[in-house]
Amino acid sequence: MSIDAARNFLKRIDTDQALQERLKTAPGLEARKKIIRAAGFEFNLAEYKQAIEEAAAAAGQELTAEELEAVAGGLGTREAPGRLGLIE
């Protein structure tokens, strides 16, 4: 697992509509994890949260407590809340 994988996943998810749809329509958390792994990404929640925070900082924005909780809860990204339930 690595932070680089989480960063690369965030970059890919921004442009890969098919991957977004597969994640959006997955029946649950375990199914989403399998899709992410099958796409070649291995990361844990801490790495994912760090990647999200870095992306927000790079954009000159700070995550609110609610946005960070949504990410931590697997609800999605700041840019796409609720669309990409990911990992516990």
PDB file of N, CA and C in Angstrom:
ATOM      1  N   MET A   1       0.846  -1.169   0.000  1.00  0.00           N
ATOM      2  CA  MET A   1       0.000   0.000   0.000  1.00  0.00           C
ATOM      3  C   MET A   1       0.895   1.237   0.000  1.00  0.00           C
ATOM      4  N   SER A   2       0.361   2.292  -0.600  1.00  0.00           N
ATOM      5  CA  SER A   2       1.195   3.488  -0.624  1.00  0.00           C
ATOM      6  C   SER A   2       0.367   4.744  -0.855  1.00  0.00           C
ATOM      7  N   ILE A   3       0.931   5.832  -0.386  1.00  0.00           N
ATOM      8  CA  ILE A   3       0.322   7.142  -0.611  1.00  0.00           C
ATOM      9  C   ILE A   3       0.338   7.470  -2.099  1.00  0.00           C
ATOM     10  N   ASP A   4       1.373   7.029  -2.808  1.00  0.00           N
ATOM     11  CA  ASP A   4       1.438   7.282  -4.250  1.00  0.00           C
ATOM     12  C   ASP A   4       0.269   6.623  -4.976  1.00  0.00           C
ATOM     13  N   ALA A   5      -0.106   5.441  -4.545  1.00  0.00           N
ATOM     14  CA  ALA A   5      -1.243   4.756  -5.164  1.00  0.00           C
ATOM     15  C   ALA A   5      -2.525   5.558  -4.942  1.00  0.00           C
ATOM     16  N   ALA A   6      -2.696   6.097  -3.751  1.00  0.00           N
ATOM     17  CA  ALA A   6      -3.878   6.904  -3.461  1.00  0.00           C
ATOM     18  C   ALA A   6      -3.881   8.174  -4.303  1.00  0.00           C
ATOM     19  N   ARG A   7      -2.711   8.815  -4.429  1.00  0.00           N
ATOM     20  CA  ARG A   7      -2.613  10.022  -5.272  1.00  0.00           C
ATOM     21  C   ARG A   7      -2.947   9.697  -6.721  1.00  0.00           C
ATOM     22  N   ASN A   8      -2.393   8.604  -7.218  1.00  0.00           N
ATOM     23  CA  ASN A   8      -2.646   8.209  -8.607  1.00  0.00           C
ATOM     24  C   ASN A   8      -4.103   7.849  -8.826  1.00  0.00           C
ATOM     25  N   PHE A   9      -4.729   7.241  -7.823  1.00  0.00           N
ATOM     26  CA  PHE A   9      -6.145   6.920  -7.921  1.00  0.00           C
ATOM     27  C   PHE A   9      -6.965   8.202  -8.062  1.00  0.00           C
ATOM     28  N   LEU A  10      -6.658   9.215  -7.258  1.00  0.00           N
ATOM     29  CA  LEU A  10      -7.401  10.474  -7.341  1.00  0.00           C
ATOM     30  C   LEU A  10      -7.259  11.117  -8.718  1.00  0.00           C
ATOM     31  N   LYS A  11      -6.078  11.041  -9.283  1.00  0.00           N
ATOM     32  CA  LYS A  11      -5.871  11.586 -10.633  1.00  0.00           C
ATOM     33  C   LYS A  11      -6.690  10.812 -11.653  1.00  0.00           C
ATOM     34  N   ARG A  12      -6.674   9.504 -11.535  1.00  0.00           N
ATOM     35  CA  ARG A  12      -7.385   8.677 -12.507  1.00  0.00           C
ATOM     36  C   ARG A  12      -8.889   8.834 -12.406  1.00  0.00           C
ATOM     37  N   ILE A  13      -9.384   8.904 -11.200  1.00  0.00           N
ATOM     38  CA  ILE A  13     -10.830   8.971 -11.025  1.00  0.00           C
ATOM     39  C   ILE A  13     -11.412  10.261 -11.589  1.00  0.00           C
ATOM     40  N   ASP A  14     -10.591  11.288 -11.675  1.00  0.00           N
ATOM     41  CA  ASP A  14     -11.054  12.548 -12.254  1.00  0.00           C
ATOM     42  C   ASP A  14     -11.338  12.434 -13.749  1.00  0.00           C
ATOM     43  N   THR A  15     -10.664  11.511 -14.420  1.00  0.00           N
ATOM     44  CA  THR A  15     -10.784  11.432 -15.877  1.00  0.00           C
ATOM     45  C   THR A  15     -11.416  10.145 -16.394  1.00  0.00           C
ATOM     46  N   ASP A  16     -11.502   9.135 -15.563  1.00  0.00           N
ATOM     47  CA  ASP A  16     -11.985   7.819 -16.007  1.00  0.00           C
ATOM     48  C   ASP A  16     -13.463   7.643 -15.652  1.00  0.00           C
ATOM     49  N   GLN A  17     -14.320   8.001 -16.588  1.00  0.00           N
ATOM     50  CA  GLN A  17     -15.768   7.923 -16.367  1.00  0.00           C
ATOM     51  C   GLN A  17     -16.237   6.488 -16.123  1.00  0.00           C
ATOM     52  N   ALA A  18     -15.633   5.539 -16.812  1.00  0.00           N
ATOM     53  CA  ALA A  18     -16.037   4.140 -16.649  1.00  0.00           C
ATOM     54  C   ALA A  18     -15.742   3.661 -15.228  1.00  0.00           C
ATOM     55  N   LEU A  19     -14.572   4.005 -14.717  1.00  0.00           N
ATOM     56  CA  LEU A  19     -14.224   3.623 -13.350  1.00  0.00           C
ATOM     57  C   LEU A  19     -15.159   4.312 -12.354  1.00  0.00           C
ATOM     58  N   GLN A  20     -15.466   5.564 -12.597  1.00  0.00           N
ATOM     59  CA  GLN A  20     -16.412   6.275 -11.729  1.00  0.00           C
ATOM     60  C   GLN A  20     -17.757   5.553 -11.691  1.00  0.00           C
ATOM     61  N   GLU A  21     -18.246   5.154 -12.841  1.00  0.00           N
ATOM     62  CA  GLU A  21     -19.540   4.468 -12.908  1.00  0.00           C
ATOM     63  C   GLU A  21     -19.515   3.126 -12.203  1.00  0.00           C
ATOM     64  N   ARG A  22     -18.424   2.363 -12.397  1.00  0.00           N
ATOM     65  CA  ARG A  22     -18.312   1.061 -11.715  1.00  0.00           C
ATOM     66  C   ARG A  22     -18.337   1.257 -10.201  1.00  0.00           C
ATOM     67  N   LEU A  23     -17.629   2.253  -9.713  1.00  0.00           N
ATOM     68  CA  LEU A  23     -17.619   2.515  -8.271  1.00  0.00           C
ATOM     69  C   LEU A  23     -18.978   3.008  -7.789  1.00  0.00           C
ATOM     70  N   LYS A  24     -19.592   3.856  -8.569  1.00  0.00           N
ATOM     71  CA  LYS A  24     -20.888   4.426  -8.193  1.00  0.00           C
ATOM     72  C   LYS A  24     -21.967   3.350  -8.095  1.00  0.00           C
ATOM     73  N   THR A  25     -21.907   2.371  -8.971  1.00  0.00           N
ATOM     74  CA  THR A  25     -22.955   1.348  -9.009  1.00  0.00           C
ATOM     75  C   THR A  25     -22.602   0.076  -8.240  1.00  0.00           C
ATOM     76  N   ALA A  26     -21.418   0.051  -7.628  1.00  0.00           N
ATOM     77  CA  ALA A  26     -21.025  -1.123  -6.847  1.00  0.00           C
ATOM     78  C   ALA A  26     -21.993  -1.293  -5.675  1.00  0.00           C
ATOM     79  N   PRO A  27     -22.328  -2.538  -5.352  1.00  0.00           N
ATOM     80  CA  PRO A  27     -23.339  -2.775  -4.320  1.00  0.00           C
ATOM     81  C   PRO A  27     -22.897  -2.510  -2.884  1.00  0.00           C
ATOM     82  N   GLY A  28     -21.631  -2.292  -2.647  1.00  0.00           N
ATOM     83  CA  GLY A  28     -21.193  -2.041  -1.276  1.00  0.00           C
ATOM     84  C   GLY A  28     -19.708  -1.775  -1.196  1.00  0.00           C
ATOM     85  N   LEU A  29     -19.252  -1.578   0.028  1.00  0.00           N
ATOM     86  CA  LEU A  29     -17.866  -1.227   0.284  1.00  0.00           C
ATOM     87  C   LEU A  29     -16.894  -2.284  -0.232  1.00  0.00           C
ATOM     88  N   GLU A  30     -17.148  -3.530   0.042  1.00  0.00           N
ATOM     89  CA  GLU A  30     -16.240  -4.594  -0.402  1.00  0.00           C
ATOM     90  C   GLU A  30     -16.159  -4.651  -1.929  1.00  0.00           C
ATOM     91  N   ALA A  31     -17.275  -4.452  -2.587  1.00  0.00           N
ATOM     92  CA  ALA A  31     -17.272  -4.438  -4.054  1.00  0.00           C
ATOM     93  C   ALA A  31     -16.443  -3.275  -4.583  1.00  0.00           C
ATOM     94  N   ARG A  32     -16.549  -2.114  -3.939  1.00  0.00           N
ATOM     95  CA  ARG A  32     -15.750  -0.955  -4.355  1.00  0.00           C
ATOM     96  C   ARG A  32     -14.261  -1.203  -4.139  1.00  0.00           C
ATOM     97  N   LYS A  33     -13.918  -1.829  -3.009  1.00  0.00           N
ATOM     98  CA  LYS A  33     -12.515  -2.159  -2.746  1.00  0.00           C
ATOM     99  C   LYS A  33     -11.964  -3.072  -3.836  1.00  0.00           C
ATOM    100  N   LYS A  34     -12.750  -4.060  -4.239  1.00  0.00           N
ATOM    101  CA  LYS A  34     -12.314  -4.994  -5.290  1.00  0.00           C
ATOM    102  C   LYS A  34     -12.105  -4.262  -6.617  1.00  0.00           C
ATOM    103  N   ILE A  35     -12.983  -3.355  -6.945  1.00  0.00           N
ATOM    104  CA  ILE A  35     -12.853  -2.581  -8.186  1.00  0.00           C
ATOM    105  C   ILE A  35     -11.580  -1.753  -8.161  1.00  0.00           C
ATOM    106  N   ILE A  36     -11.326  -1.115  -7.031  1.00  0.00           N
ATOM    107  CA  ILE A  36     -10.128  -0.279  -6.890  1.00  0.00           C
ATOM    108  C   ILE A  36      -8.874  -1.131  -7.024  1.00  0.00           C
ATOM    109  N   ARG A  37      -8.859  -2.278  -6.353  1.00  0.00           N
ATOM    110  CA  ARG A  37      -7.693  -3.168  -6.453  1.00  0.00           C
ATOM    111  C   ARG A  37      -7.523  -3.695  -7.869  1.00  0.00           C
ATOM    112  N   ALA A  38      -8.625  -4.070  -8.505  1.00  0.00           N
ATOM    113  CA  ALA A  38      -8.559  -4.594  -9.879  1.00  0.00           C
ATOM    114  C   ALA A  38      -8.036  -3.525 -10.847  1.00  0.00           C
ATOM    115  N   ALA A  39      -8.259  -2.259 -10.520  1.00  0.00           N
ATOM    116  CA  ALA A  39      -7.765  -1.167 -11.351  1.00  0.00           C
ATOM    117  C   ALA A  39      -6.280  -0.899 -11.084  1.00  0.00           C
ATOM    118  N   GLY A  40      -5.703  -1.623 -10.125  1.00  0.00           N
ATOM    119  CA  GLY A  40      -4.279  -1.525  -9.868  1.00  0.00           C
ATOM    120  C   GLY A  40      -3.871  -0.608  -8.736  1.00  0.00           C
ATOM    121  N   PHE A  41      -4.807  -0.269  -7.854  1.00  0.00           N
ATOM    122  CA  PHE A  41      -4.514   0.651  -6.763  1.00  0.00           C
ATOM    123  C   PHE A  41      -4.619  -0.061  -5.420  1.00  0.00           C
ATOM    124  N   GLU A  42      -3.588   0.061  -4.601  1.00  0.00           N
ATOM    125  CA  GLU A  42      -3.566  -0.507  -3.251  1.00  0.00           C
ATOM    126  C   GLU A  42      -3.241   0.607  -2.272  1.00  0.00           C
ATOM    127  N   PHE A  43      -4.213   1.001  -1.459  1.00  0.00           N
ATOM    128  CA  PHE A  43      -3.996   2.018  -0.433  1.00  0.00           C
ATOM    129  C   PHE A  43      -4.995   1.810   0.680  1.00  0.00           C
ATOM    130  N   ASN A  44      -4.676   2.365   1.841  1.00  0.00           N
ATOM    131  CA  ASN A  44      -5.589   2.246   2.973  1.00  0.00           C
ATOM    132  C   ASN A  44      -6.260   3.597   3.234  1.00  0.00           C
ATOM    133  N   LEU A  45      -7.091   3.644   4.240  1.00  0.00           N
ATOM    134  CA  LEU A  45      -7.843   4.863   4.524  1.00  0.00           C
ATOM    135  C   LEU A  45      -6.925   6.027   4.873  1.00  0.00           C
ATOM    136  N   ALA A  46      -5.914   5.782   5.687  1.00  0.00           N
ATOM    137  CA  ALA A  46      -5.004   6.869   6.074  1.00  0.00           C
ATOM    138  C   ALA A  46      -4.306   7.455   4.852  1.00  0.00           C
ATOM    139  N   GLU A  47      -3.886   6.598   3.933  1.00  0.00           N
ATOM    140  CA  GLU A  47      -3.227   7.075   2.714  1.00  0.00           C
ATOM    141  C   GLU A  47      -4.198   7.838   1.823  1.00  0.00           C
ATOM    142  N   TYR A  48      -5.426   7.353   1.745  1.00  0.00           N
ATOM    143  CA  TYR A  48      -6.449   8.032   0.955  1.00  0.00           C
ATOM    144  C   TYR A  48      -6.754   9.416   1.540  1.00  0.00           C
ATOM    145  N   LYS A  49      -6.916   9.473   2.861  1.00  0.00           N
ATOM    146  CA  LYS A  49      -7.187  10.759   3.505  1.00  0.00           C
ATOM    147  C   LYS A  49      -6.034  11.728   3.285  1.00  0.00           C
ATOM    148  N   GLN A  50      -4.802  11.233   3.381  1.00  0.00           N
ATOM    149  CA  GLN A  50      -3.642  12.096   3.159  1.00  0.00           C
ATOM    150  C   GLN A  50      -3.637  12.630   1.734  1.00  0.00           C
ATOM    151  N   ALA A  51      -3.945  11.784   0.767  1.00  0.00           N
ATOM    152  CA  ALA A  51      -3.975  12.212  -0.634  1.00  0.00           C
ATOM    153  C   ALA A  51      -5.051  13.274  -0.858  1.00  0.00           C
ATOM    154  N   ILE A  52      -6.200  13.089  -0.242  1.00  0.00           N
ATOM    155  CA  ILE A  52      -7.295  14.067  -0.357  1.00  0.00           C
ATOM    156  C   ILE A  52      -6.864  15.404   0.259  1.00  0.00           C
ATOM    157  N   GLU A  53      -6.252  15.339   1.441  1.00  0.00           N
ATOM    158  CA  GLU A  53      -5.807  16.561   2.102  1.00  0.00           C
ATOM    159  C   GLU A  53      -4.737  17.279   1.285  1.00  0.00           C
ATOM    160  N   GLU A  54      -3.820  16.519   0.696  1.00  0.00           N
ATOM    161  CA  GLU A  54      -2.782  17.121  -0.147  1.00  0.00           C
ATOM    162  C   GLU A  54      -3.392  17.790  -1.378  1.00  0.00           C
ATOM    163  N   ALA A  55      -4.359  17.129  -1.985  1.00  0.00           N
ATOM    164  CA  ALA A  55      -5.001  17.696  -3.170  1.00  0.00           C
ATOM    165  C   ALA A  55      -5.730  18.988  -2.817  1.00  0.00           C
ATOM    166  N   ALA A  56      -6.380  19.008  -1.667  1.00  0.00           N
ATOM    167  CA  ALA A  56      -7.078  20.217  -1.229  1.00  0.00           C
ATOM    168  C   ALA A  56      -6.075  21.333  -0.957  1.00  0.00           C
ATOM    169  N   ALA A  57      -4.963  20.990  -0.312  1.00  0.00           N
ATOM    170  CA  ALA A  57      -3.937  21.995  -0.019  1.00  0.00           C
ATOM    171  C   ALA A  57      -3.332  22.546  -1.303  1.00  0.00           C
ATOM    172  N   ALA A  58      -3.095  21.673  -2.268  1.00  0.00           N
ATOM    173  CA  ALA A  58      -2.526  22.101  -3.545  1.00  0.00           C
ATOM    174  C   ALA A  58      -3.482  23.028  -4.283  1.00  0.00           C
ATOM    175  N   ALA A  59      -4.764  22.838  -4.057  1.00  0.00           N
ATOM    176  CA  ALA A  59      -5.766  23.692  -4.689  1.00  0.00           C
ATOM    177  C   ALA A  59      -5.994  24.962  -3.867  1.00  0.00           C
ATOM    178  N   GLY A  60      -5.241  25.097  -2.770  1.00  0.00           N
ATOM    179  CA  GLY A  60      -5.374  26.280  -1.934  1.00  0.00           C
ATOM    180  C   GLY A  60      -6.615  26.258  -1.073  1.00  0.00           C
ATOM    181  N   GLN A  61      -7.123  25.062  -0.804  1.00  0.00           N
ATOM    182  CA  GLN A  61      -8.334  24.937  -0.002  1.00  0.00           C
ATOM    183  C   GLN A  61      -8.051  24.046   1.192  1.00  0.00           C
ATOM    184  N   GLU A  62      -8.810  24.245   2.231  1.00  0.00           N
ATOM    185  CA  GLU A  62      -8.696  23.414   3.414  1.00  0.00           C
ATOM    186  C   GLU A  62      -9.997  22.648   3.558  1.00  0.00           C
ATOM    187  N   LEU A  63      -9.899  21.374   3.919  1.00  0.00           N
ATOM    188  CA  LEU A  63     -11.103  20.582   4.130  1.00  0.00           C
ATOM    189  C   LEU A  63     -11.790  21.015   5.413  1.00  0.00           C
ATOM    190  N   THR A  64     -13.109  21.103   5.357  1.00  0.00           N
ATOM    191  CA  THR A  64     -13.866  21.364   6.581  1.00  0.00           C
ATOM    192  C   THR A  64     -13.937  20.068   7.371  1.00  0.00           C
ATOM    193  N   ALA A  65     -14.341  20.157   8.608  1.00  0.00           N
ATOM    194  CA  ALA A  65     -14.490  18.958   9.437  1.00  0.00           C
ATOM    195  C   ALA A  65     -15.501  18.010   8.806  1.00  0.00           C
ATOM    196  N   GLU A  66     -16.558  18.547   8.228  1.00  0.00           N
ATOM    197  CA  GLU A  66     -17.585  17.717   7.595  1.00  0.00           C
ATOM    198  C   GLU A  66     -17.041  17.011   6.356  1.00  0.00           C
ATOM    199  N   GLU A  67     -16.255  17.727   5.556  1.00  0.00           N
ATOM    200  CA  GLU A  67     -15.680  17.119   4.356  1.00  0.00           C
ATOM    201  C   GLU A  67     -14.694  16.019   4.722  1.00  0.00           C
ATOM    202  N   LEU A  68     -13.885  16.261   5.735  1.00  0.00           N
ATOM    203  CA  LEU A  68     -12.927  15.253   6.170  1.00  0.00           C
ATOM    204  C   LEU A  68     -13.657  14.030   6.707  1.00  0.00           C
ATOM    205  N   GLU A  69     -14.723  14.232   7.431  1.00  0.00           N
ATOM    206  CA  GLU A  69     -15.514  13.116   7.943  1.00  0.00           C
ATOM    207  C   GLU A  69     -16.148  12.323   6.803  1.00  0.00           C
ATOM    208  N   ALA A  70     -16.603  13.017   5.751  1.00  0.00           N
ATOM    209  CA  ALA A  70     -17.179  12.330   4.596  1.00  0.00           C
ATOM    210  C   ALA A  70     -16.145  11.449   3.920  1.00  0.00           C
ATOM    211  N   VAL A  71     -14.930  11.939   3.794  1.00  0.00           N
ATOM    212  CA  VAL A  71     -13.850  11.148   3.214  1.00  0.00           C
ATOM    213  C   VAL A  71     -13.556   9.963   4.118  1.00  0.00           C
ATOM    214  N   ALA A  72     -13.439  10.209   5.403  1.00  0.00           N
ATOM    215  CA  ALA A  72     -13.125   9.157   6.354  1.00  0.00           C
ATOM    216  C   ALA A  72     -14.224   8.111   6.385  1.00  0.00           C
ATOM    217  N   GLY A  73     -15.448   8.528   6.169  1.00  0.00           N
ATOM    218  CA  GLY A  73     -16.563   7.597   6.172  1.00  0.00           C
ATOM    219  C   GLY A  73     -16.735   6.865   4.869  1.00  0.00           C
ATOM    220  N   GLY A  74     -15.874   7.149   3.896  1.00  0.00           N
ATOM    221  CA  GLY A  74     -15.966   6.460   2.623  1.00  0.00           C
ATOM    222  C   GLY A  74     -17.021   7.019   1.707  1.00  0.00           C
ATOM    223  N   LEU A  75     -17.437   8.248   1.929  1.00  0.00           N
ATOM    224  CA  LEU A  75     -18.508   8.812   1.127  1.00  0.00           C
ATOM    225  C   LEU A  75     -18.043   9.411  -0.186  1.00  0.00           C
ATOM    226  N   GLY A  76     -16.797   9.827  -0.268  1.00  0.00           N
ATOM    227  CA  GLY A  76     -16.343  10.387  -1.527  1.00  0.00           C
ATOM    228  C   GLY A  76     -15.220  11.370  -1.357  1.00  0.00           C
ATOM    229  N   THR A  77     -15.060  12.218  -2.353  1.00  0.00           N
ATOM    230  CA  THR A  77     -14.026  13.233  -2.332  1.00  0.00           C
ATOM    231  C   THR A  77     -14.672  14.590  -2.201  1.00  0.00           C
ATOM    232  N   ARG A  78     -13.883  15.581  -1.921  1.00  0.00           N
ATOM    233  CA  ARG A  78     -14.407  16.948  -1.817  1.00  0.00           C
ATOM    234  C   ARG A  78     -15.074  17.353  -3.126  1.00  0.00           C
ATOM    235  N   GLU A  79     -14.455  16.976  -4.245  1.00  0.00           N
ATOM    236  CA  GLU A  79     -14.975  17.359  -5.550  1.00  0.00           C
ATOM    237  C   GLU A  79     -16.222  16.563  -5.931  1.00  0.00           C
ATOM    238  N   ALA A  80     -16.365  15.371  -5.381  1.00  0.00           N
ATOM    239  CA  ALA A  80     -17.483  14.517  -5.753  1.00  0.00           C
ATOM    240  C   ALA A  80     -18.074  13.863  -4.514  1.00  0.00           C
ATOM    241  N   PRO A  81     -18.638  14.636  -3.595  1.00  0.00           N
ATOM    242  CA  PRO A  81     -19.143  14.054  -2.361  1.00  0.00           C
ATOM    243  C   PRO A  81     -20.233  13.024  -2.634  1.00  0.00           C
ATOM    244  N   GLY A  82     -20.116  11.908  -1.949  1.00  0.00           N
ATOM    245  CA  GLY A  82     -21.129  10.890  -2.059  1.00  0.00           C
ATOM    246  C   GLY A  82     -21.045  10.042  -3.297  1.00  0.00           C
ATOM    247  N   ARG A  83     -20.169  10.374  -4.232  1.00  0.00           N
ATOM    248  CA  ARG A  83     -20.124   9.634  -5.486  1.00  0.00           C
ATOM    249  C   ARG A  83     -19.194   8.445  -5.417  1.00  0.00           C
ATOM    250  N   LEU A  84     -18.159   8.510  -4.631  1.00  0.00           N
ATOM    251  CA  LEU A  84     -17.143   7.473  -4.653  1.00  0.00           C
ATOM    252  C   LEU A  84     -16.921   6.865  -3.288  1.00  0.00           C
ATOM    253  N   GLY A  85     -17.848   6.098  -2.779  1.00  0.00           N
ATOM    254  CA  GLY A  85     -17.608   5.429  -1.516  1.00  0.00           C
ATOM    255  C   GLY A  85     -16.432   4.501  -1.680  1.00  0.00           C
ATOM    256  N   LEU A  86     -15.447   4.594  -0.812  1.00  0.00           N
ATOM    257  CA  LEU A  86     -14.213   3.880  -1.075  1.00  0.00           C
ATOM    258  C   LEU A  86     -13.863   2.859  -0.024  1.00  0.00           C
ATOM    259  N   ILE A  87     -13.124   3.249   0.977  1.00  0.00           N
ATOM    260  CA  ILE A  87     -12.568   2.277   1.907  1.00  0.00           C
ATOM    261  C   ILE A  87     -12.834   2.680   3.335  1.00  0.00           C
ATOM    262  N   GLU A  88     -12.790   1.712   4.220  1.00  0.00           N
ATOM    263  CA  GLU A  88     -12.977   1.986   5.648  1.00  0.00           C
ATOM    264  C   GLU A  88     -11.670   2.403   6.251  1.00  0.00           C
TER     265      GLU A  88
END
